[in-house]
């Protein structure tokens, strides 16, 4: 995986983690949504990495 693509996944995942942390104090459902989006982004990064490795 190129450095720019891995940087994108890292920054996007951290941004979603921050959104999850901030939304915990406001709305639990929104925090759950951001948590699931965070897991999906991290999983997508692993899938892209394995497909590019082949």
Protein backbone atom coordinates (compact mmCIF):
# COMPACT_ATOMS: atom_id res chain seq x y z
CA UNK A 1 0.00 0.00 0.00
CA UNK A 2 1.33 3.43 -0.85
CA UNK A 3 2.19 5.85 1.89
CA UNK A 4 -0.45 8.34 0.85
CA UNK A 5 -3.19 5.71 0.88
CA UNK A 6 -2.16 4.41 4.29
CA UNK A 7 -2.01 8.01 5.57
CA UNK A 8 -5.56 8.56 4.30
CA UNK A 9 -6.88 5.51 6.16
CA UNK A 10 -5.01 6.48 9.33
CA UNK A 11 -6.25 10.08 9.33
CA UNK A 12 -9.82 9.08 8.46
CA UNK A 13 -9.87 6.46 11.22
CA UNK A 14 -8.55 8.90 13.81
CA UNK A 15 -11.08 11.52 12.72
CA UNK A 16 -13.90 9.01 13.12
CA UNK A 17 -12.56 7.99 16.54
CA UNK A 18 -12.55 11.65 17.59
CA UNK A 19 -16.11 12.06 16.30
CA UNK A 20 -17.11 9.02 18.36
CA UNK A 21 -15.52 10.47 21.48
CA UNK A 22 -17.15 13.87 21.05
CA UNK A 23 -20.57 12.43 20.29
CA UNK A 24 -20.54 10.27 23.45
CA UNK A 25 -21.50 13.28 25.53
CA UNK A 26 -24.28 14.37 23.18
CA UNK A 27 -26.02 11.35 21.70
CA UNK A 28 -25.45 7.66 22.32
CA UNK A 29 -26.92 6.57 18.99
CA UNK A 30 -24.67 8.94 17.10
CA UNK A 31 -21.69 7.60 19.02
CA UNK A 32 -22.71 4.07 18.06
CA UNK A 33 -22.96 5.10 14.40
CA UNK A 34 -19.52 6.71 14.45
CA UNK A 35 -18.10 3.65 16.21
CA UNK A 36 -19.43 1.37 13.50
CA UNK A 37 -18.11 3.69 10.81
CA UNK A 38 -14.71 3.63 12.51
CA UNK A 39 -14.64 -0.17 12.49
CA UNK A 40 -15.73 -0.19 8.85
CA UNK A 41 -12.96 2.25 7.87
CA UNK A 42 -10.30 0.21 9.69
CA UNK A 43 -11.60 -3.01 8.11
CA UNK A 44 -11.65 -1.41 4.68
CA UNK A 45 -8.02 -0.40 5.15
CA UNK A 46 -7.06 -4.00 5.89
CA UNK A 47 -9.03 -5.27 2.87
CA UNK A 48 -7.39 -2.74 0.53
CA UNK A 49 -3.97 -3.62 1.90
CA UNK A 50 -4.47 -7.35 1.34
CA UNK A 51 -5.86 -6.86 -2.18
CA UNK A 52 -3.00 -4.59 -3.20
CA UNK A 53 -0.49 -7.07 -1.82
CA UNK A 54 -1.64 -9.83 -4.22
